[in-house]
Amino acid sequence: MTPRISIPLVFLASAPAAGQVPDTAARLEAVRVTVTRDVARPALDLPYGVSRLTMDSARAATRRASLTEALLFVPGVSVSHRFNPTQDPRLAIRGFGARSAFGIRGVRVLRDGIPLTAADGQTPVDFLDLESLGSAEVVRGSAGALYGNSSGGVVDFRTTPPPEAGGRIRGSAWRWWAPARPGWPSP
């Protein structure tokens, strides 16, 4: 090989070595990611699919309905009930959970913010008392990750608050009245 060709080849072969970065590392600032569920905003202003429904609002019979009838008109939600008392109904949100043979998989179910979903992903809803429920919120799609490990979505059932305790006691002795209200001061 002539020296005329070999000198440019040496420079060409050493070009990747010259382009390497020195061993000093650049320090980057820490990145902090925070997520809020933003429950105070109206459902139409949220950037994800959510449906809020009350159990006794639109239909008179939904208060004592089954889970199938309670979530019947929620878009993207399919509840299949086989009327078999040994198997829970199958709940699917936008296709997640549709291939399970029975039960609820891939969808997280909460009651008053407490997860009912077991560690293996199965959610038994046969002990869910629909009579005590006041409202439900269905979060569809990947926005369910706001509530933890739920790629398909979240169904959050909220119970109705108990009525306030109260009463009146009224007594008299001749002309003197003594009204009183039992209870305790609220904080």
C-alpha atoms as a PDB file:
ATOM      1  CA  MET A   1       0.000   0.000   0.000  1.00  0.00           C
ATOM      2  CA  THR A   2       1.343   3.363  -0.868  1.00  0.00           C
ATOM      3  CA  PRO A   3       1.843   5.975   1.833  1.00  0.00           C
ATOM      4  CA  ARG A   4      -0.547   8.263  -0.005  1.00  0.00           C
ATOM      5  CA  ILE A   5      -3.519   5.951   0.634  1.00  0.00           C
ATOM      6  CA  SER A   6      -2.477   4.648   4.047  1.00  0.00           C
ATOM      7  CA  ILE A   7      -2.248   8.057   5.760  1.00  0.00           C
ATOM      8  CA  PRO A   8      -5.897   9.033   5.019  1.00  0.00           C
ATOM      9  CA  LEU A   9      -6.999   5.539   6.047  1.00  0.00           C
ATOM     10  CA  VAL A  10      -5.295   5.950   9.443  1.00  0.00           C
ATOM     11  CA  PHE A  11      -7.104   9.243  10.011  1.00  0.00           C
ATOM     12  CA  LEU A  12     -10.397   7.726   8.903  1.00  0.00           C
ATOM     13  CA  ALA A  13      -9.982   4.732  11.230  1.00  0.00           C
ATOM     14  CA  SER A  14      -9.172   6.989  14.211  1.00  0.00           C
ATOM     15  CA  ALA A  15     -12.253   9.219  13.712  1.00  0.00           C
ATOM     16  CA  PRO A  16     -14.576   7.165  16.015  1.00  0.00           C
ATOM     17  CA  ALA A  17     -11.985   7.304  18.808  1.00  0.00           C
ATOM     18  CA  ALA A  18     -11.804  11.090  18.521  1.00  0.00           C
ATOM     19  CA  GLY A  19     -15.591  11.340  18.769  1.00  0.00           C
ATOM     20  CA  GLN A  20     -15.821   9.546  22.103  1.00  0.00           C
ATOM     21  CA  VAL A  21     -17.052  11.504  25.103  1.00  0.00           C
ATOM     22  CA  PRO A  22     -14.663  12.066  27.993  1.00  0.00           C
ATOM     23  CA  ASP A  23     -15.166  10.125  31.226  1.00  0.00           C
ATOM     24  CA  THR A  24     -16.696  13.037  33.144  1.00  0.00           C
ATOM     25  CA  ALA A  25     -20.427  12.653  33.777  1.00  0.00           C
ATOM     26  CA  ALA A  26     -22.840  15.543  33.785  1.00  0.00           C
ATOM     27  CA  ARG A  27     -24.939  16.035  36.930  1.00  0.00           C
ATOM     28  CA  LEU A  28     -28.649  16.337  36.283  1.00  0.00           C
ATOM     29  CA  GLU A  29     -31.279  17.770  38.565  1.00  0.00           C
ATOM     30  CA  ALA A  30     -33.746  15.396  40.174  1.00  0.00           C
ATOM     31  CA  VAL A  31     -37.088  15.063  38.429  1.00  0.00           C
ATOM     32  CA  ARG A  32     -40.176  14.847  40.614  1.00  0.00           C
ATOM     33  CA  VAL A  33     -43.406  13.492  39.179  1.00  0.00           C
ATOM     34  CA  THR A  34     -46.642  14.038  41.077  1.00  0.00           C
ATOM     35  CA  VAL A  35     -50.085  12.874  40.103  1.00  0.00           C
ATOM     36  CA  THR A  36     -53.434  13.932  41.466  1.00  0.00           C
ATOM     37  CA  ARG A  37     -56.793  12.342  40.875  1.00  0.00           C
ATOM     38  CA  ASP A  38     -58.494  15.745  40.724  1.00  0.00           C
ATOM     39  CA  VAL A  39     -61.875  14.598  42.010  1.00  0.00           C
ATOM     40  CA  ALA A  40     -63.102  18.161  42.543  1.00  0.00           C
ATOM     41  CA  ARG A  41     -63.258  18.928  38.819  1.00  0.00           C
ATOM     42  CA  PRO A  42     -66.382  18.159  36.813  1.00  0.00           C
ATOM     43  CA  ALA A  43     -66.262  14.927  34.826  1.00  0.00           C
ATOM     44  CA  LEU A  44     -66.372  16.797  31.501  1.00  0.00           C
ATOM     45  CA  ASP A  45     -63.191  18.747  32.331  1.00  0.00           C
ATOM     46  CA  LEU A  46     -61.062  15.688  33.103  1.00  0.00           C
ATOM     47  CA  PRO A  47     -58.563  14.577  30.419  1.00  0.00           C
ATOM     48  CA  TYR A  48     -59.626  10.928  30.609  1.00  0.00           C
ATOM     49  CA  GLY A  49     -62.819   8.902  30.296  1.00  0.00           C
ATOM     50  CA  VAL A  50     -64.802   8.903  33.533  1.00  0.00           C
ATOM     51  CA  SER A  51     -68.464   8.347  34.328  1.00  0.00           C
ATOM     52  CA  ARG A  52     -70.033   9.306  37.633  1.00  0.00           C
ATOM     53  CA  LEU A  53     -73.409   7.882  38.460  1.00  0.00           C
ATOM     54  CA  THR A  54     -75.654   7.718  41.464  1.00  0.00           C
ATOM     55  CA  MET A  55     -77.336   4.436  42.156  1.00  0.00           C
ATOM     56  CA  ASP A  56     -80.823   5.897  42.472  1.00  0.00           C
ATOM     57  CA  SER A  57     -80.709   8.813  40.028  1.00  0.00           C
ATOM     58  CA  ALA A  58     -81.826   7.914  36.521  1.00  0.00           C
ATOM     59  CA  ARG A  59     -83.698   4.676  37.024  1.00  0.00           C
ATOM     60  CA  ALA A  60     -85.976   3.939  39.931  1.00  0.00           C
ATOM     61  CA  ALA A  61     -85.011   0.254  40.083  1.00  0.00           C
ATOM     62  CA  THR A  62     -81.233   0.708  40.240  1.00  0.00           C
ATOM     63  CA  ARG A  63     -81.088   1.105  44.000  1.00  0.00           C
ATOM     64  CA  ARG A  64     -81.631  -2.602  44.568  1.00  0.00           C
ATOM     65  CA  ALA A  65     -80.263  -3.780  41.237  1.00  0.00           C
ATOM     66  CA  SER A  66     -77.509  -6.234  40.530  1.00  0.00           C
ATOM     67  CA  LEU A  67     -74.067  -5.138  39.418  1.00  0.00           C
ATOM     68  CA  THR A  68     -75.068  -5.919  35.841  1.00  0.00           C
ATOM     69  CA  GLU A  69     -78.034  -3.558  35.933  1.00  0.00           C
ATOM     70  CA  ALA A  70     -76.232  -0.833  37.871  1.00  0.00           C
ATOM     71  CA  LEU A  71     -73.454  -0.474  35.256  1.00  0.00           C
ATOM     72  CA  LEU A  72     -75.622  -1.231  32.228  1.00  0.00           C
ATOM     73  CA  PHE A  73     -75.562   2.199  30.574  1.00  0.00           C
ATOM     74  CA  VAL A  74     -71.971   3.214  31.320  1.00  0.00           C
ATOM     75  CA  PRO A  75     -70.096   3.630  28.011  1.00  0.00           C
ATOM     76  CA  GLY A  76     -67.264   1.167  27.442  1.00  0.00           C
ATOM     77  CA  VAL A  77     -68.346  -1.125  30.290  1.00  0.00           C
ATOM     78  CA  SER A  78     -69.643  -4.639  29.716  1.00  0.00           C
ATOM     79  CA  VAL A  79     -70.952  -6.751  32.580  1.00  0.00           C
ATOM     80  CA  SER A  80     -71.779 -10.378  31.793  1.00  0.00           C
ATOM     81  CA  HIS A  81     -73.746 -12.285  34.362  1.00  0.00           C
ATOM     82  CA  ARG A  82     -74.300 -15.981  33.757  1.00  0.00           C
ATOM     83  CA  PHE A  83     -76.771 -16.393  36.641  1.00  0.00           C
ATOM     84  CA  ASN A  84     -74.459 -18.952  38.172  1.00  0.00           C
ATOM     85  CA  PRO A  85     -74.188 -18.438  41.935  1.00  0.00           C
ATOM     86  CA  THR A  86     -70.729 -20.010  42.080  1.00  0.00           C
ATOM     87  CA  GLN A  87     -69.161 -17.496  39.685  1.00  0.00           C
ATOM     88  CA  ASP A  88     -68.955 -13.725  39.936  1.00  0.00           C
ATOM     89  CA  PRO A  89     -70.105 -11.610  36.997  1.00  0.00           C
ATOM     90  CA  ARG A  90     -67.484 -10.791  34.383  1.00  0.00           C
ATOM     91  CA  LEU A  91     -66.690  -7.077  34.145  1.00  0.00           C
ATOM     92  CA  ALA A  92     -64.825  -5.654  31.151  1.00  0.00           C
ATOM     93  CA  ILE A  93     -63.861  -2.028  30.570  1.00  0.00           C
ATOM     94  CA  ARG A  94     -62.848  -1.225  26.992  1.00  0.00           C
ATOM     95  CA  GLY A  95     -61.946  -4.869  26.411  1.00  0.00           C
ATOM     96  CA  PHE A  96     -59.815  -5.400  29.514  1.00  0.00           C
ATOM     97  CA  GLY A  97     -61.145  -8.428  31.334  1.00  0.00           C
ATOM     98  CA  ALA A  98     -63.222  -9.685  28.404  1.00  0.00           C
ATOM     99  CA  ARG A  99     -61.195 -12.865  27.933  1.00  0.00           C
ATOM    100  CA  SER A 100     -61.422 -14.040  31.529  1.00  0.00           C
ATOM    101  CA  ALA A 101     -63.578 -17.103  31.947  1.00  0.00           C
ATOM    102  CA  PHE A 102     -65.233 -15.668  35.045  1.00  0.00           C
ATOM    103  CA  GLY A 103     -64.769 -12.867  37.534  1.00  0.00           C
ATOM    104  CA  ILE A 104     -63.092  -9.536  37.196  1.00  0.00           C
ATOM    105  CA  ARG A 105     -59.480  -9.351  35.975  1.00  0.00           C
ATOM    106  CA  GLY A 106     -57.514  -6.331  34.775  1.00  0.00           C
ATOM    107  CA  VAL A 107     -60.024  -3.937  36.330  1.00  0.00           C
ATOM    108  CA  ARG A 108     -59.603  -2.565  39.849  1.00  0.00           C
ATOM    109  CA  VAL A 109     -62.687  -2.336  42.045  1.00  0.00           C
ATOM    110  CA  LEU A 110     -62.681   0.022  45.021  1.00  0.00           C
ATOM    111  CA  ARG A 111     -65.172   0.622  47.796  1.00  0.00           C
ATOM    112  CA  ASP A 112     -64.807   4.036  49.421  1.00  0.00           C
ATOM    113  CA  GLY A 113     -61.229   4.164  48.113  1.00  0.00           C
ATOM    114  CA  ILE A 114     -60.253   0.786  49.588  1.00  0.00           C
ATOM    115  CA  PRO A 115     -59.272  -1.819  46.967  1.00  0.00           C
ATOM    116  CA  LEU A 116     -61.357  -4.969  46.802  1.00  0.00           C
ATOM    117  CA  THR A 117     -59.017  -6.475  44.206  1.00  0.00           C
ATOM    118  CA  ALA A 118     -56.832  -9.279  45.567  1.00  0.00           C
ATOM    119  CA  ALA A 119     -53.104  -9.586  44.912  1.00  0.00           C
ATOM    120  CA  ASP A 120     -53.644 -12.009  42.019  1.00  0.00           C
ATOM    121  CA  GLY A 121     -55.933  -9.537  40.211  1.00  0.00           C
ATOM    122  CA  GLN A 122     -59.192 -11.331  40.979  1.00  0.00           C
ATOM    123  CA  THR A 123     -62.009  -9.233  42.466  1.00  0.00           C
ATOM    124  CA  PRO A 124     -64.838 -10.970  44.297  1.00  0.00           C
ATOM    125  CA  VAL A 125     -67.935  -8.774  44.200  1.00  0.00           C
ATOM    126  CA  ASP A 126     -70.457 -11.223  45.599  1.00  0.00           C
ATOM    127  CA  PHE A 127     -70.187  -9.652  49.048  1.00  0.00           C
ATOM    128  CA  LEU A 128     -70.625  -6.096  47.710  1.00  0.00           C
ATOM    129  CA  ASP A 129     -73.852  -4.740  49.226  1.00  0.00           C
ATOM    130  CA  LEU A 130     -75.505  -2.676  46.508  1.00  0.00           C
ATOM    131  CA  GLU A 131     -78.140  -1.422  48.938  1.00  0.00           C
ATOM    132  CA  SER A 132     -75.581   0.658  50.822  1.00  0.00           C
ATOM    133  CA  LEU A 133     -74.041   2.225  47.709  1.00  0.00           C
ATOM    134  CA  GLY A 134     -74.802   5.826  46.902  1.00  0.00           C
ATOM    135  CA  SER A 135     -72.653   6.450  43.834  1.00  0.00           C
ATOM    136  CA  ALA A 136     -70.100   4.884  41.535  1.00  0.00           C
ATOM    137  CA  GLU A 137     -67.282   6.306  39.461  1.00  0.00           C
ATOM    138  CA  VAL A 138     -65.966   4.403  36.454  1.00  0.00           C
ATOM    139  CA  VAL A 139     -62.548   5.430  35.128  1.00  0.00           C
ATOM    140  CA  ARG A 140     -61.975   3.907  31.704  1.00  0.00           C
ATOM    141  CA  GLY A 141     -58.692   2.998  30.080  1.00  0.00           C
ATOM    142  CA  SER A 142     -55.135   3.629  31.177  1.00  0.00           C
ATOM    143  CA  ALA A 143     -56.158   6.495  33.468  1.00  0.00           C
ATOM    144  CA  GLY A 144     -56.878   3.749  35.993  1.00  0.00           C
ATOM    145  CA  ALA A 145     -53.139   3.788  36.716  1.00  0.00           C
ATOM    146  CA  LEU A 146     -53.895   6.806  38.914  1.00  0.00           C
ATOM    147  CA  TYR A 147     -55.390   4.326  41.370  1.00  0.00           C
ATOM    148  CA  GLY A 148     -52.564   1.799  41.243  1.00  0.00           C
ATOM    149  CA  ASN A 149     -51.977  -1.313  39.171  1.00  0.00           C
ATOM    150  CA  SER A 150     -55.030  -1.294  36.939  1.00  0.00           C
ATOM    151  CA  SER A 151     -54.425  -1.145  33.223  1.00  0.00           C
ATOM    152  CA  GLY A 152     -58.051  -1.636  32.246  1.00  0.00           C
ATOM    153  CA  GLY A 153     -59.791   0.872  34.461  1.00  0.00           C
ATOM    154  CA  VAL A 154     -61.293   1.429  37.886  1.00  0.00           C
ATOM    155  CA  VAL A 155     -64.779   1.122  39.342  1.00  0.00           C
ATOM    156  CA  ASP A 156     -65.002   3.057  42.614  1.00  0.00           C
ATOM    157  CA  PHE A 157     -68.159   2.416  44.621  1.00  0.00           C
ATOM    158  CA  ARG A 158     -69.033   5.013  47.277  1.00  0.00           C
ATOM    159  CA  THR A 159     -71.410   4.317  50.139  1.00  0.00           C
ATOM    160  CA  THR A 160     -74.046   6.760  51.282  1.00  0.00           C
ATOM    161  CA  PRO A 161     -73.139   8.601  54.457  1.00  0.00           C
ATOM    162  CA  PRO A 162     -75.159   7.567  57.501  1.00  0.00           C
ATOM    163  CA  PRO A 163     -77.919   9.902  58.651  1.00  0.00           C
ATOM    164  CA  GLU A 164     -77.108  12.297  61.440  1.00  0.00           C
ATOM    165  CA  ALA A 165     -78.149  11.199  64.876  1.00  0.00           C
ATOM    166  CA  GLY A 166     -80.509  13.549  66.608  1.00  0.00           C
ATOM    167  CA  GLY A 167     -83.698  13.952  68.505  1.00  0.00           C
ATOM    168  CA  ARG A 168     -85.557  16.270  70.828  1.00  0.00           C
ATOM    169  CA  ILE A 169     -86.357  16.033  74.483  1.00  0.00           C
ATOM    170  CA  ARG A 170     -88.887  18.350  75.931  1.00  0.00           C
ATOM    171  CA  GLY A 171     -90.076  18.467  79.487  1.00  0.00           C
ATOM    172  CA  SER A 172     -92.045  20.780  81.667  1.00  0.00           C
ATOM    173  CA  ALA A 173     -92.586  21.371  85.325  1.00  0.00           C
ATOM    174  CA  TRP A 174     -95.580  23.575  85.953  1.00  0.00           C
ATOM    175  CA  ARG A 175     -94.736  26.643  83.836  1.00  0.00           C
ATOM    176  CA  TRP A 176     -91.042  26.124  83.204  1.00  0.00           C
ATOM    177  CA  TRP A 177     -89.974  24.514  79.905  1.00  0.00           C
ATOM    178  CA  ALA A 178     -86.614  22.853  79.451  1.00  0.00           C
ATOM    179  CA  PRO A 179     -85.892  21.934  75.793  1.00  0.00           C
ATOM    180  CA  ALA A 180     -82.751  19.929  75.082  1.00  0.00           C
ATOM    181  CA  ARG A 181     -81.113  18.218  72.108  1.00  0.00           C
ATOM    182  CA  PRO A 182     -79.034  15.109  72.687  1.00  0.00           C
ATOM    183  CA  GLY A 183     -75.831  14.731  70.791  1.00  0.00           C
ATOM    184  CA  TRP A 184     -72.225  15.802  70.902  1.00  0.00           C
ATOM    185  CA  PRO A 185     -70.443  18.857  69.605  1.00  0.00           C
ATOM    186  CA  SER A 186     -68.956  18.445  66.177  1.00  0.00           C
ATOM    187  CA  PRO A 187     -65.314  19.466  65.692  1.00  0.00           C
END
